[in-house]
Amino acid sequence: MRRVVFLAAFLLIATSAAAQTFRAENGVFVLPFSAGFEVQSDGGHGARGMWCAAADYSRRVLGAASVDRIYVAEGRPPGLGQRAPVRFTMDASGLTPRTVIIVGASLSRAGSNLSVGLAYRFCADARLIN
């Protein structure tokens, strides 16, 4: 009986965790958190792929419009080949908005932001490759 209860609890937790995970059209996983969402990095998509995933999540899950802004809430440490996730938010409260000039460097700076529409254009890269 204990095994059945344990198995049922495990399956319930696994199912609810999987239901919250979003897979963007480029294959990158996005997880919600209390103040926004976290884009996972597999190392193969780069900054453009992470912005694409953030935009896809913003559009399809949050219902954001193309003119809405996506902000880096918590940047990852700078360095080549970083695979750390990046936390994004749609709320600029507490952030100093920063203009994105170099997309690759933008993920290490909290406050970096792009419109949903511009970030979603990076998804075309994945469509061409796949």
Protein backbone atom coordinates (compact mmCIF):
# COMPACT_ATOMS: atom_id res chain seq x y z
CA MET A 1 0.00 0.00 0.00
CA ARG A 2 2.85 2.37 0.85
CA ARG A 3 4.40 1.80 -2.55
CA VAL A 4 1.14 2.67 -4.30
CA VAL A 5 0.76 5.91 -2.33
CA PHE A 6 4.40 6.83 -2.97
CA LEU A 7 4.07 6.07 -6.69
CA ALA A 8 0.85 8.09 -6.95
CA ALA A 9 2.46 11.06 -5.19
CA PHE A 10 5.52 10.85 -7.42
CA LEU A 11 3.41 10.74 -10.59
CA LEU A 12 1.31 13.69 -9.42
CA ILE A 13 4.41 15.80 -8.77
CA ALA A 14 6.02 14.78 -12.06
CA THR A 15 2.84 15.50 -14.01
CA SER A 16 2.33 18.94 -12.45
CA ALA A 17 5.98 19.87 -13.07
CA ALA A 18 5.76 18.76 -16.69
CA ALA A 19 2.53 20.70 -17.17
CA GLN A 20 4.29 23.91 -16.13
CA THR A 21 7.22 23.40 -18.50
CA PHE A 22 6.80 25.15 -21.84
CA ARG A 23 8.74 24.11 -24.91
CA ALA A 24 9.25 27.03 -27.28
CA GLU A 25 9.04 26.54 -31.02
CA ASN A 26 12.85 26.38 -31.20
CA GLY A 27 12.92 23.53 -28.65
CA VAL A 28 14.19 25.60 -25.70
CA PHE A 29 12.42 24.97 -22.38
CA VAL A 30 10.85 27.78 -20.36
CA LEU A 31 9.79 27.47 -16.72
CA PRO A 32 7.57 29.93 -14.84
CA PHE A 33 8.63 31.43 -11.52
CA SER A 34 6.88 33.89 -9.22
CA ALA A 35 8.02 37.12 -10.93
CA GLY A 36 8.44 35.92 -14.50
CA PHE A 37 9.91 32.98 -16.34
CA GLU A 38 13.25 31.24 -16.76
CA VAL A 39 14.65 30.25 -20.14
CA GLN A 40 16.87 27.17 -19.97
CA SER A 41 19.99 27.02 -22.10
CA ASP A 42 21.12 23.94 -23.90
CA GLY A 43 24.16 25.74 -25.29
CA GLY A 44 23.12 25.26 -28.89
CA HIS A 45 20.79 28.19 -29.45
CA GLY A 46 22.76 31.17 -28.17
CA ALA A 47 21.30 34.50 -27.12
CA ARG A 48 19.01 34.80 -30.14
CA GLY A 49 17.50 31.41 -29.32
CA MET A 50 16.92 32.39 -25.72
CA TRP A 51 15.23 35.66 -26.72
CA CYS A 52 13.12 33.66 -29.20
CA ALA A 53 11.99 31.28 -26.44
CA ALA A 54 11.20 34.22 -24.14
CA ALA A 55 9.11 35.85 -26.88
CA ASP A 56 7.32 32.63 -27.79
CA TYR A 57 6.42 32.04 -24.12
CA SER A 58 5.32 35.66 -23.73
CA ARG A 59 3.04 35.42 -26.75
CA ARG A 60 1.54 31.96 -26.32
CA VAL A 61 1.38 31.60 -22.53
CA LEU A 62 1.16 35.16 -21.22
CA GLY A 63 -0.79 36.59 -24.17
CA ALA A 64 1.67 39.45 -24.70
CA ALA A 65 1.36 41.76 -27.69
CA SER A 66 4.22 42.41 -30.12
CA VAL A 67 4.80 45.88 -28.63
CA ASP A 68 5.12 44.60 -25.04
CA ARG A 69 8.64 44.50 -23.61
CA ILE A 70 10.56 41.50 -22.28
CA TYR A 71 13.22 42.33 -19.66
CA VAL A 72 16.15 40.32 -18.38
CA ALA A 73 15.29 40.02 -14.68
CA GLU A 74 18.46 38.19 -13.63
CA GLY A 75 21.32 37.96 -16.06
CA ARG A 76 23.74 35.11 -16.18
CA PRO A 77 27.44 35.52 -15.42
CA PRO A 78 29.39 36.88 -18.40
CA GLY A 79 31.71 34.54 -20.26
CA LEU A 80 31.96 32.50 -23.39
CA GLY A 81 29.94 29.32 -23.63
CA GLN A 82 27.64 30.09 -20.70
CA ARG A 83 24.87 27.56 -20.25
CA ALA A 84 23.21 29.10 -17.22
CA PRO A 85 19.49 29.86 -17.48
CA VAL A 86 18.28 33.46 -17.76
CA ARG A 87 15.30 34.85 -15.89
CA PHE A 88 12.99 37.20 -17.77
CA THR A 89 10.03 39.34 -16.73
CA MET A 90 7.42 41.50 -18.40
CA ASP A 91 7.54 43.97 -15.49
CA ALA A 92 10.31 46.58 -15.42
CA SER A 93 9.71 47.44 -11.75
CA GLY A 94 13.00 47.51 -9.88
CA LEU A 95 15.05 47.30 -13.09
CA THR A 96 17.02 49.93 -14.96
CA PRO A 97 15.98 49.41 -18.60
CA ARG A 98 18.96 49.00 -20.91
CA THR A 99 18.97 49.21 -24.68
CA VAL A 100 20.14 46.02 -26.37
CA ILE A 101 22.91 46.78 -28.84
CA ILE A 102 24.72 43.44 -28.86
CA VAL A 103 22.27 40.57 -28.43
CA GLY A 104 24.87 38.14 -27.09
CA ALA A 105 25.91 40.47 -24.27
CA SER A 106 22.33 41.35 -23.34
CA LEU A 107 21.70 38.17 -21.35
CA SER A 108 24.24 39.11 -18.69
CA ARG A 109 22.63 42.49 -17.92
CA ALA A 110 19.49 42.81 -15.83
CA GLY A 111 17.21 45.38 -17.45
CA SER A 112 18.18 44.52 -21.03
CA ASN A 113 14.96 44.47 -23.01
CA LEU A 114 13.45 43.85 -26.41
CA SER A 115 9.92 44.06 -27.71
CA VAL A 116 8.13 40.75 -27.97
CA GLY A 117 7.85 41.25 -31.73
CA LEU A 118 11.56 41.85 -32.26
CA ALA A 119 12.59 38.96 -30.01
CA TYR A 120 10.14 36.68 -31.81
CA ARG A 121 11.84 37.45 -35.12
CA PHE A 122 14.84 35.50 -33.81
CA CYS A 123 12.64 32.38 -34.01
CA ALA A 124 13.04 32.54 -37.79
CA ASP A 125 16.61 31.32 -37.26
CA ALA A 126 15.28 28.08 -35.78
CA ARG A 127 12.73 27.69 -38.56
CA LEU A 128 15.49 27.96 -41.17
CA ILE A 129 17.73 25.46 -39.41
CA ASN A 130 15.01 22.93 -38.64
